[in-house]
Amino acid sequence: MIRTITSAASIGLIACLMGCGDNPEVLSPPEPSGPGGWTPGHVLPSLQTSLRGMLDVRGVIHAHSVYSHDACDGEPRDEETDGINEPCFDDLRRGLCQSRHDYLMLTDHPDSFERTEFPDVLLYRSDQDDELVERGGQAVANWAACPDDTPPTLILAGTEGGMEPVGLEGHVADTVEERAEVYGAATSEAVDILQEHGAVVLLQHTEDWTPNQIIDLGVDGFEMFNLHANMYLGAGAITSLLMKIETPEQLPHPDLILLPIINEDPVYLDIWSTVLARDAHRVTIIATDIHRNTLWRELRDGERIDSYRRAFIWLSNHLLIRPEADGSWDDRHLKEALSSARLYGVFEILGYPDGFDYHALQGGDLREMGTELSLAAGVELTVTMPWVRDLDPDYAQPELTIRVLKAEEDGWDVVAESDTDLQHTVTEPGAYRAEVRMVPRHLEPFLSTYADLAGEDFVWIYSNAIYVTD
């Protein structure tokens, strides 16, 4: 399958459009016409819904901070003092609080990450009332405080080098040289070392790996979508948007600026299906891959296109964690859910979901995403249709469709589809996932000259798989 790559001419045009001319006038976003409710840019906190003893927590996986060499417009550290870029650091911390996520799993590049110690790599600031999670005298995670009454976000460390381990509980070695050998490697031996140091080992940029590599390395999982990689597929749309930067009334609402760009990536989908069709159990995640180094021009809300806040609210990963009896949780609960594949990814640019559930029934037993069941005992897959939280009732309602898909070599087969709750009796072994698709009619008032997008079909939710054997 041929992948669309941005041409040199397109890159040059985008660079000129990014840098030529004055900044546009800062305008207020359009006001909703109805009585209130969710509208683009309106952030809702995680519900942390209790589901069969689990909590649904929301967060970002794969993000870069000042401890990545290419973050912050390529200037994460001062060349002379080596001090970090404080405005960029503050933008991330501010965006994290504004997006009201429950957790953030960082994936900083090794060349800066490997020479920075814990708890700095956790973005810890004692003067901001952060609270470290410590075990064995070592800081392993950071409850990053937010102003006012906004709950803190749990930050975990990780790196994107040879692979993408998240949730590291400390560096893998004492010296930078020894760390670099592990962080830069893509070997089964490195997977073992990283897991011994608490990491869930993922692979970044699925387009760069073959199904056999993903399987043979023995990693825990890989990406089912990557926003950074997806920009290549949307290069033409990016160019069109940037050509309208001086006439902001022609652009979508600033927090919908991604909508004309975003695409399901056939390369990611095909590799995902092939790995699972070969009987490999792997968790898959949606990667934000934010660097704050791409689209610095401001939109009419006075904020740069690729701010941390904006990227954080576009898409997320919901983990179904098993908290302690008193309801508390930390990095261990997140990583247990992640490694068990109790995760569904949401494109929350379309709205925040409520009510989604995907599980299997076998006799009287209920089984979660990521589990394996025997076909001989009978398997029924159940998907509950979600709704958009707090949607203004005066707007047109989105059209929603549930699909159940079976993994095959080089693609997914749709085995069931419904516009309401769905139950599907499995008749053959395989890996089955669910997705919710949306025609976002409710967004039309916010799309300006892109109003036709309100009639197009988008994926809203990707689940992880349930595995059925003979």
Foldseek 3Di string as FASTA:
>chain_A
DDDFFQDPVLVVLLVCLLPDDDFAAADDADDDPFPDFDDFPDADAQPLDQDPQWGWFWFAEAEEALLACPFPQNPQADPPPRHGDVVRLVLQLVLCLSNLGAEYWYAHALVRVLPDFPPVQQVDDVVQVKDFDDDPNFGQWIQGDDPDPRGTHIYGYWHAACWTWTRFRTQLDDDSVVSCVLNNDQALVSQVSRVVRPTQIEGEDLLVDALVSRQVSPGQAYALAEPVVLQSVQSVVSSVQSVCSNVLLQAFRLLCNCLSRGDRDLSSQQSVLQNQQVVDQHAYHHHLNQRNNDFQRDHNNRGTSRGSNSSGQQKIKIFTFNAPPVRDDHSVRRVVRRSLQQIKMFRCSLADWPDWAKWKDFPNDIGGFSEEEEPVRWIKIKIADIAGGGQRPVFDGKQKKKFKWFRDNRHIDTPDMDSGIDIDTDDAWGKIWMWMKILRRRRQVRGRNHSCSSRDIDTGMTGHIYGYDD
